[in-house]
């Protein structure tokens, strides 16, 4: 069960920024009068989800432990690196 939660957290950590980018794109393309996505909330939330995925990977059953933990580590590294690069 912990492995499934870790995989779900990793999936959401990737999906949330992509959905926010899609939201921004449609907002700007179609000139919608809706509020902008708040990136100061999205980036820490995605980082928190990826850390939860890392912890879930460490506590997961042996069969999926490495993949889930490595996924959480890689996702959290990318989330931390993107604001530094931009």
PDB file of N, CA and C in Angstrom:
ATOM      1  N   UNK A   1       0.814  -1.196   0.000  1.00  0.00           N
ATOM      2  CA  UNK A   1       0.000   0.000   0.000  1.00  0.00           C
ATOM      3  C   UNK A   1       0.866   1.272   0.000  1.00  0.00           C
ATOM      4  N   UNK A   2       1.972   1.228   0.717  1.00  0.00           N
ATOM      5  CA  UNK A   2       2.859   2.392   0.758  1.00  0.00           C
ATOM      6  C   UNK A   2       3.479   2.627  -0.614  1.00  0.00           C
ATOM      7  N   UNK A   3       3.783   1.560  -1.327  1.00  0.00           N
ATOM      8  CA  UNK A   3       4.338   1.692  -2.673  1.00  0.00           C
ATOM      9  C   UNK A   3       3.369   2.376  -3.622  1.00  0.00           C
ATOM     10  N   UNK A   4       2.096   2.007  -3.513  1.00  0.00           N
ATOM     11  CA  UNK A   4       1.077   2.634  -4.355  1.00  0.00           C
ATOM     12  C   UNK A   4       0.952   4.124  -4.045  1.00  0.00           C
ATOM     13  N   UNK A   5       1.011   4.481  -2.772  1.00  0.00           N
ATOM     14  CA  UNK A   5       0.963   5.901  -2.401  1.00  0.00           C
ATOM     15  C   UNK A   5       2.185   6.656  -2.923  1.00  0.00           C
ATOM     16  N   UNK A   6       3.352   6.013  -2.872  1.00  0.00           N
ATOM     17  CA  UNK A   6       4.558   6.638  -3.410  1.00  0.00           C
ATOM     18  C   UNK A   6       4.473   6.848  -4.911  1.00  0.00           C
ATOM     19  N   UNK A   7       3.958   5.846  -5.625  1.00  0.00           N
ATOM     20  CA  UNK A   7       3.806   5.984  -7.073  1.00  0.00           C
ATOM     21  C   UNK A   7       2.778   7.049  -7.424  1.00  0.00           C
ATOM     22  N   UNK A   8       1.702   7.114  -6.661  1.00  0.00           N
ATOM     23  CA  UNK A   8       0.682   8.135  -6.893  1.00  0.00           C
ATOM     24  C   UNK A   8       1.247   9.527  -6.628  1.00  0.00           C
ATOM     25  N   UNK A   9       2.021   9.675  -5.567  1.00  0.00           N
ATOM     26  CA  UNK A   9       2.635  10.973  -5.251  1.00  0.00           C
ATOM     27  C   UNK A   9       3.602  11.395  -6.351  1.00  0.00           C
ATOM     28  N   UNK A  10       4.385  10.449  -6.873  1.00  0.00           N
ATOM     29  CA  UNK A  10       5.304  10.775  -7.968  1.00  0.00           C
ATOM     30  C   UNK A  10       4.544  11.185  -9.225  1.00  0.00           C
ATOM     31  N   UNK A  11       3.451  10.489  -9.515  1.00  0.00           N
ATOM     32  CA  UNK A  11       2.655  10.827 -10.687  1.00  0.00           C
ATOM     33  C   UNK A  11       2.053  12.216 -10.551  1.00  0.00           C
ATOM     34  N   UNK A  12       1.519  12.525  -9.393  1.00  0.00           N
ATOM     35  CA  UNK A  12       0.938  13.856  -9.186  1.00  0.00           C
ATOM     36  C   UNK A  12       2.004  14.946  -9.192  1.00  0.00           C
ATOM     37  N   UNK A  13       3.206  14.627  -8.711  1.00  0.00           N
ATOM     38  CA  UNK A  13       4.286  15.611  -8.711  1.00  0.00           C
ATOM     39  C   UNK A  13       4.672  15.997 -10.135  1.00  0.00           C
ATOM     40  N   UNK A  14       4.505  15.085 -11.081  1.00  0.00           N
ATOM     41  CA  UNK A  14       4.769  15.403 -12.481  1.00  0.00           C
ATOM     42  C   UNK A  14       3.558  16.066 -13.122  1.00  0.00           C
ATOM     43  N   UNK A  15       2.365  15.576 -12.796  1.00  0.00           N
ATOM     44  CA  UNK A  15       1.147  16.026 -13.474  1.00  0.00           C
ATOM     45  C   UNK A  15       0.740  17.449 -13.102  1.00  0.00           C
ATOM     46  N   UNK A  16       0.932  17.836 -11.867  1.00  0.00           N
ATOM     47  CA  UNK A  16       0.469  19.160 -11.413  1.00  0.00           C
ATOM     48  C   UNK A  16       1.132  20.305 -12.196  1.00  0.00           C
ATOM     49  N   UNK A  17       2.454  20.330 -12.376  1.00  0.00           N
ATOM     50  CA  UNK A  17       3.031  21.432 -13.174  1.00  0.00           C
ATOM     51  C   UNK A  17       2.614  21.395 -14.644  1.00  0.00           C
ATOM     52  N   UNK A  18       2.461  20.189 -15.215  1.00  0.00           N
ATOM     53  CA  UNK A  18       2.029  20.102 -16.606  1.00  0.00           C
ATOM     54  C   UNK A  18       0.607  20.618 -16.782  1.00  0.00           C
ATOM     55  N   UNK A  19      -0.261  20.293 -15.849  1.00  0.00           N
ATOM     56  CA  UNK A  19      -1.638  20.794 -15.920  1.00  0.00           C
ATOM     57  C   UNK A  19      -1.646  22.315 -15.747  1.00  0.00           C
ATOM     58  N   UNK A  20      -0.791  22.825 -14.874  1.00  0.00           N
ATOM     59  CA  UNK A  20      -0.710  24.279 -14.695  1.00  0.00           C
ATOM     60  C   UNK A  20      -0.188  24.961 -15.960  1.00  0.00           C
ATOM     61  N   UNK A  21       0.780  24.351 -16.627  1.00  0.00           N
ATOM     62  CA  UNK A  21       1.275  24.913 -17.893  1.00  0.00           C
ATOM     63  C   UNK A  21       0.194  24.879 -18.962  1.00  0.00           C
ATOM     64  N   UNK A  22      -0.555  23.797 -19.037  1.00  0.00           N
ATOM     65  CA  UNK A  22      -1.662  23.706 -19.982  1.00  0.00           C
ATOM     66  C   UNK A  22      -2.726  24.752 -19.674  1.00  0.00           C
ATOM     67  N   UNK A  23      -2.996  24.951 -18.404  1.00  0.00           N
ATOM     68  CA  UNK A  23      -3.944  25.981 -17.975  1.00  0.00           C
ATOM     69  C   UNK A  23      -3.473  27.367 -18.413  1.00  0.00           C
ATOM     70  N   UNK A  24      -2.177  27.654 -18.195  1.00  0.00           N
ATOM     71  CA  UNK A  24      -1.629  28.948 -18.599  1.00  0.00           C
ATOM     72  C   UNK A  24      -1.716  29.131 -20.108  1.00  0.00           C
ATOM     73  N   UNK A  25      -1.403  28.065 -20.847  1.00  0.00           N
ATOM     74  CA  UNK A  25      -1.435  28.139 -22.303  1.00  0.00           C
ATOM     75  C   UNK A  25      -2.847  28.428 -22.807  1.00  0.00           C
ATOM     76  N   UNK A  26      -3.828  27.708 -22.291  1.00  0.00           N
ATOM     77  CA  UNK A  26      -5.203  27.940 -22.745  1.00  0.00           C
ATOM     78  C   UNK A  26      -5.706  29.303 -22.281  1.00  0.00           C
ATOM     79  N   UNK A  27      -5.283  29.730 -21.118  1.00  0.00           N
ATOM     80  CA  UNK A  27      -5.686  31.047 -20.620  1.00  0.00           C
ATOM     81  C   UNK A  27      -5.169  32.145 -21.526  1.00  0.00           C
ATOM     82  N   UNK A  28      -3.906  32.032 -21.919  1.00  0.00           N
ATOM     83  CA  UNK A  28      -3.297  33.058 -22.769  1.00  0.00           C
ATOM     84  C   UNK A  28      -3.757  32.958 -24.217  1.00  0.00           C
ATOM     85  N   UNK A  29      -3.958  31.746 -24.707  1.00  0.00           N
ATOM     86  CA  UNK A  29      -4.344  31.559 -26.101  1.00  0.00           C
ATOM     87  C   UNK A  29      -5.751  32.064 -26.370  1.00  0.00           C
ATOM     88  N   UNK A  30      -6.670  31.730 -25.492  1.00  0.00           N
ATOM     89  CA  UNK A  30      -8.072  32.074 -25.720  1.00  0.00           C
ATOM     90  C   UNK A  30      -8.509  33.326 -24.972  1.00  0.00           C
ATOM     91  N   UNK A  31      -7.587  34.038 -24.385  1.00  0.00           N
ATOM     92  CA  UNK A  31      -7.853  35.284 -23.654  1.00  0.00           C
ATOM     93  C   UNK A  31      -8.995  35.121 -22.648  1.00  0.00           C
ATOM     94  N   UNK A  32      -8.886  34.072 -21.857  1.00  0.00           N
ATOM     95  CA  UNK A  32      -9.904  33.816 -20.842  1.00  0.00           C
ATOM     96  C   UNK A  32      -9.710  34.766 -19.665  1.00  0.00           C
ATOM     97  N   UNK A  33     -10.790  35.169 -19.073  1.00  0.00           N
ATOM     98  CA  UNK A  33     -10.737  36.067 -17.928  1.00  0.00           C
ATOM     99  C   UNK A  33     -10.787  35.245 -16.639  1.00  0.00           C
ATOM    100  N   UNK A  34      -9.746  34.469 -16.422  1.00  0.00           N
ATOM    101  CA  UNK A  34      -9.624  33.645 -15.209  1.00  0.00           C
ATOM    102  C   UNK A  34      -8.279  33.968 -14.564  1.00  0.00           C
ATOM    103  N   UNK A  35      -8.139  33.701 -13.269  1.00  0.00           N
ATOM    104  CA  UNK A  35      -6.877  34.033 -12.605  1.00  0.00           C
ATOM    105  C   UNK A  35      -5.713  33.164 -13.100  1.00  0.00           C
ATOM    106  N   UNK A  36      -4.530  33.730 -12.985  1.00  0.00           N
ATOM    107  CA  UNK A  36      -3.319  32.998 -13.380  1.00  0.00           C
ATOM    108  C   UNK A  36      -3.000  31.915 -12.365  1.00  0.00           C
ATOM    109  N   UNK A  37      -2.231  30.916 -12.803  1.00  0.00           N
ATOM    110  CA  UNK A  37      -1.766  29.871 -11.896  1.00  0.00           C
ATOM    111  C   UNK A  37      -0.726  30.472 -10.951  1.00  0.00           C
ATOM    112  N   UNK A  38      -0.790  30.118  -9.688  1.00  0.00           N
ATOM    113  CA  UNK A  38       0.127  30.648  -8.681  1.00  0.00           C
ATOM    114  C   UNK A  38       1.321  29.701  -8.548  1.00  0.00           C
ATOM    115  N   UNK A  39       2.416  30.043  -9.227  1.00  0.00           N
ATOM    116  CA  UNK A  39       3.579  29.160  -9.242  1.00  0.00           C
ATOM    117  C   UNK A  39       4.282  29.107  -7.890  1.00  0.00           C
ATOM    118  N   UNK A  40       4.055  30.107  -7.038  1.00  0.00           N
ATOM    119  CA  UNK A  40       4.666  30.058  -5.707  1.00  0.00           C
ATOM    120  C   UNK A  40       4.011  28.988  -4.842  1.00  0.00           C
ATOM    121  N   UNK A  41       2.850  28.514  -5.228  1.00  0.00           N
ATOM    122  CA  UNK A  41       2.209  27.396  -4.534  1.00  0.00           C
ATOM    123  C   UNK A  41       2.431  26.078  -5.262  1.00  0.00           C
ATOM    124  N   UNK A  42       2.502  26.116  -6.577  1.00  0.00           N
ATOM    125  CA  UNK A  42       2.596  24.888  -7.365  1.00  0.00           C
ATOM    126  C   UNK A  42       3.954  24.213  -7.184  1.00  0.00           C
ATOM    127  N   UNK A  43       5.024  24.970  -7.226  1.00  0.00           N
ATOM    128  CA  UNK A  43       6.364  24.375  -7.126  1.00  0.00           C
ATOM    129  C   UNK A  43       6.610  23.738  -5.756  1.00  0.00           C
ATOM    130  N   UNK A  44       6.317  24.403  -4.631  1.00  0.00           N
ATOM    131  CA  UNK A  44       6.507  23.712  -3.345  1.00  0.00           C
ATOM    132  C   UNK A  44       5.572  22.511  -3.168  1.00  0.00           C
ATOM    133  N   UNK A  45       4.349  22.597  -3.694  1.00  0.00           N
ATOM    134  CA  UNK A  45       3.425  21.466  -3.595  1.00  0.00           C
ATOM    135  C   UNK A  45       3.948  20.270  -4.385  1.00  0.00           C
ATOM    136  N   UNK A  46       4.477  20.509  -5.583  1.00  0.00           N
ATOM    137  CA  UNK A  46       5.046  19.419  -6.378  1.00  0.00           C
ATOM    138  C   UNK A  46       6.291  18.850  -5.707  1.00  0.00           C
ATOM    139  N   UNK A  47       7.095  19.716  -5.104  1.00  0.00           N
ATOM    140  CA  UNK A  47       8.275  19.232  -4.391  1.00  0.00           C
ATOM    141  C   UNK A  47       7.868  18.375  -3.191  1.00  0.00           C
ATOM    142  N   UNK A  48       6.855  18.807  -2.469  1.00  0.00           N
ATOM    143  CA  UNK A  48       6.364  18.025  -1.340  1.00  0.00           C
ATOM    144  C   UNK A  48       5.844  16.665  -1.796  1.00  0.00           C
ATOM    145  N   UNK A  49       5.137  16.626  -2.903  1.00  0.00           N
ATOM    146  CA  UNK A  49       4.651  15.357  -3.445  1.00  0.00           C
ATOM    147  C   UNK A  49       5.806  14.445  -3.851  1.00  0.00           C
ATOM    148  N   UNK A  50       6.839  15.008  -4.451  1.00  0.00           N
ATOM    149  CA  UNK A  50       7.971  14.172  -4.856  1.00  0.00           C
ATOM    150  C   UNK A  50       8.744  13.647  -3.648  1.00  0.00           C
ATOM    151  N   UNK A  51       8.832  14.439  -2.595  1.00  0.00           N
ATOM    152  CA  UNK A  51       9.471  13.941  -1.362  1.00  0.00           C
ATOM    153  C   UNK A  51       8.624  12.838  -0.730  1.00  0.00           C
ATOM    154  N   UNK A  52       7.304  12.991  -0.788  1.00  0.00           N
ATOM    155  CA  UNK A  52       6.426  11.909  -0.310  1.00  0.00           C
ATOM    156  C   UNK A  52       6.615  10.653  -1.148  1.00  0.00           C
ATOM    157  N   UNK A  53       6.814  10.824  -2.463  1.00  0.00           N
ATOM    158  CA  UNK A  53       7.104   9.675  -3.323  1.00  0.00           C
ATOM    159  C   UNK A  53       8.427   9.027  -2.971  1.00  0.00           C
ATOM    160  N   UNK A  54       9.418   9.828  -2.625  1.00  0.00           N
ATOM    161  CA  UNK A  54      10.713   9.293  -2.211  1.00  0.00           C
ATOM    162  C   UNK A  54      10.587   8.505  -0.911  1.00  0.00           C
ATOM    163  N   UNK A  55       9.880   9.065   0.044  1.00  0.00           N
ATOM    164  CA  UNK A  55       9.681   8.368   1.319  1.00  0.00           C
ATOM    165  C   UNK A  55       8.852   7.101   1.106  1.00  0.00           C
ATOM    166  N   UNK A  56       7.821   7.199   0.275  1.00  0.00           N
ATOM    167  CA  UNK A  56       7.031   6.014  -0.041  1.00  0.00           C
ATOM    168  C   UNK A  56       7.854   4.951  -0.741  1.00  0.00           C
ATOM    169  N   UNK A  57       8.800   5.376  -1.570  1.00  0.00           N
ATOM    170  CA  UNK A  57       9.682   4.422  -2.238  1.00  0.00           C
ATOM    171  C   UNK A  57      10.616   3.719  -1.277  1.00  0.00           C
ATOM    172  N   UNK A  58      11.094   4.435  -0.287  1.00  0.00           N
ATOM    173  CA  UNK A  58      11.977   3.821   0.706  1.00  0.00           C
ATOM    174  C   UNK A  58      11.213   2.793   1.541  1.00  0.00           C
ATOM    175  N   UNK A  59       9.951   3.066   1.827  1.00  0.00           N
ATOM    176  CA  UNK A  59       9.136   2.172   2.647  1.00  0.00           C
ATOM    177  C   UNK A  59       8.355   1.144   1.833  1.00  0.00           C
ATOM    178  N   UNK A  60       8.480   1.177   0.508  1.00  0.00           N
ATOM    179  CA  UNK A  60       7.714   0.286  -0.369  1.00  0.00           C
ATOM    180  C   UNK A  60       8.238  -1.144  -0.284  1.00  0.00           C
ATOM    181  N   UNK A  61       7.454  -2.089  -0.784  1.00  0.00           N
ATOM    182  CA  UNK A  61       7.946  -3.470  -0.856  1.00  0.00           C
ATOM    183  C   UNK A  61       9.192  -3.556  -1.735  1.00  0.00           C
ATOM    184  N   UNK A  62       9.969  -4.578  -1.506  1.00  0.00           N
ATOM    185  CA  UNK A  62      11.269  -4.692  -2.147  1.00  0.00           C
ATOM    186  C   UNK A  62      11.194  -4.646  -3.674  1.00  0.00           C
ATOM    187  N   UNK A  63      10.149  -5.172  -4.229  1.00  0.00           N
ATOM    188  CA  UNK A  63      10.035  -5.279  -5.677  1.00  0.00           C
ATOM    189  C   UNK A  63       9.994  -3.915  -6.383  1.00  0.00           C
ATOM    190  N   UNK A  64       9.393  -2.921  -5.771  1.00  0.00           N
ATOM    191  CA  UNK A  64       9.274  -1.608  -6.413  1.00  0.00           C
ATOM    192  C   UNK A  64      10.015  -0.514  -5.642  1.00  0.00           C
ATOM    193  N   UNK A  65      10.790  -0.884  -4.677  1.00  0.00           N
ATOM    194  CA  UNK A  65      11.455   0.092  -3.806  1.00  0.00           C
ATOM    195  C   UNK A  65      12.394   1.011  -4.578  1.00  0.00           C
ATOM    196  N   UNK A  66      13.293   0.442  -5.361  1.00  0.00           N
ATOM    197  CA  UNK A  66      14.300   1.257  -6.045  1.00  0.00           C
ATOM    198  C   UNK A  66      13.670   2.206  -7.057  1.00  0.00           C
ATOM    199  N   UNK A  67      12.741   1.694  -7.845  1.00  0.00           N
ATOM    200  CA  UNK A  67      12.137   2.509  -8.906  1.00  0.00           C
ATOM    201  C   UNK A  67      11.366   3.682  -8.313  1.00  0.00           C
ATOM    202  N   UNK A  68      10.596   3.432  -7.277  1.00  0.00           N
ATOM    203  CA  UNK A  68       9.793   4.493  -6.679  1.00  0.00           C
ATOM    204  C   UNK A  68      10.672   5.525  -5.977  1.00  0.00           C
ATOM    205  N   UNK A  69      11.671   5.064  -5.245  1.00  0.00           N
ATOM    206  CA  UNK A  69      12.571   6.001  -4.556  1.00  0.00           C
ATOM    207  C   UNK A  69      13.388   6.809  -5.554  1.00  0.00           C
ATOM    208  N   UNK A  70      13.879   6.163  -6.599  1.00  0.00           N
ATOM    209  CA  UNK A  70      14.651   6.886  -7.615  1.00  0.00           C
ATOM    210  C   UNK A  70      13.777   7.893  -8.350  1.00  0.00           C
ATOM    211  N   UNK A  71      12.533   7.518  -8.621  1.00  0.00           N
ATOM    212  CA  UNK A  71      11.610   8.449  -9.266  1.00  0.00           C
ATOM    213  C   UNK A  71      11.376   9.680  -8.417  1.00  0.00           C
ATOM    214  N   UNK A  72      11.154   9.488  -7.120  1.00  0.00           N
ATOM    215  CA  UNK A  72      10.963  10.627  -6.222  1.00  0.00           C
ATOM    216  C   UNK A  72      12.192  11.513  -6.143  1.00  0.00           C
ATOM    217  N   UNK A  73      13.369  10.889  -6.133  1.00  0.00           N
ATOM    218  CA  UNK A  73      14.612  11.654  -6.066  1.00  0.00           C
ATOM    219  C   UNK A  73      14.841  12.456  -7.343  1.00  0.00           C
ATOM    220  N   UNK A  74      14.597  11.847  -8.479  1.00  0.00           N
ATOM    221  CA  UNK A  74      14.804  12.533  -9.758  1.00  0.00           C
ATOM    222  C   UNK A  74      13.805  13.668  -9.928  1.00  0.00           C
ATOM    223  N   UNK A  75      12.552  13.413  -9.607  1.00  0.00           N
ATOM    224  CA  UNK A  75      11.526  14.454  -9.754  1.00  0.00           C
ATOM    225  C   UNK A  75      11.819  15.631  -8.838  1.00  0.00           C
ATOM    226  N   UNK A  76      12.199  15.350  -7.593  1.00  0.00           N
ATOM    227  CA  UNK A  76      12.506  16.453  -6.670  1.00  0.00           C
ATOM    228  C   UNK A  76      13.731  17.232  -7.135  1.00  0.00           C
ATOM    229  N   UNK A  77      14.712  16.553  -7.716  1.00  0.00           N
ATOM    230  CA  UNK A  77      15.889  17.253  -8.235  1.00  0.00           C
ATOM    231  C   UNK A  77      15.528  18.168  -9.391  1.00  0.00           C
ATOM    232  N   UNK A  78      14.664  17.689 -10.275  1.00  0.00           N
ATOM    233  CA  UNK A  78      14.250  18.516 -11.416  1.00  0.00           C
ATOM    234  C   UNK A  78      13.432  19.715 -10.941  1.00  0.00           C
ATOM    235  N   UNK A  79      12.543  19.484  -9.975  1.00  0.00           N
ATOM    236  CA  UNK A  79      11.728  20.590  -9.465  1.00  0.00           C
ATOM    237  C   UNK A  79      12.583  21.657  -8.795  1.00  0.00           C
ATOM    238  N   UNK A  80      13.635  21.242  -8.121  1.00  0.00           N
ATOM    239  CA  UNK A  80      14.536  22.223  -7.505  1.00  0.00           C
ATOM    240  C   UNK A  80      15.425  22.908  -8.539  1.00  0.00           C
ATOM    241  N   UNK A  81      15.762  22.220  -9.626  1.00  0.00           N
ATOM    242  CA  UNK A  81      16.683  22.782 -10.614  1.00  0.00           C
ATOM    243  C   UNK A  81      16.002  23.758 -11.562  1.00  0.00           C
ATOM    244  N   UNK A  82      14.747  23.550 -11.868  1.00  0.00           N
ATOM    245  CA  UNK A  82      14.059  24.392 -12.862  1.00  0.00           C
ATOM    246  C   UNK A  82      14.009  25.865 -12.445  1.00  0.00           C
ATOM    247  N   UNK A  83      13.616  26.219 -11.210  1.00  0.00           N
ATOM    248  CA  UNK A  83      13.637  27.657 -10.867  1.00  0.00           C
ATOM    249  C   UNK A  83      15.048  28.257 -10.868  1.00  0.00           C
ATOM    250  N   UNK A  84      16.063  27.448 -10.597  1.00  0.00           N
ATOM    251  CA  UNK A  84      17.436  27.962 -10.603  1.00  0.00           C
ATOM    252  C   UNK A  84      17.882  28.256 -12.030  1.00  0.00           C
ATOM    253  N   UNK A  85      17.500  27.385 -12.969  1.00  0.00           N
ATOM    254  CA  UNK A  85      17.864  27.561 -14.376  1.00  0.00           C
ATOM    255  C   UNK A  85      17.136  28.757 -14.979  1.00  0.00           C
ATOM    256  N   UNK A  86      15.843  28.874 -14.665  1.00  0.00           N
ATOM    257  CA  UNK A  86      15.057  29.963 -15.244  1.00  0.00           C
ATOM    258  C   UNK A  86      15.353  31.235 -14.506  1.00  0.00           C
TER     259      UNK A  86
END
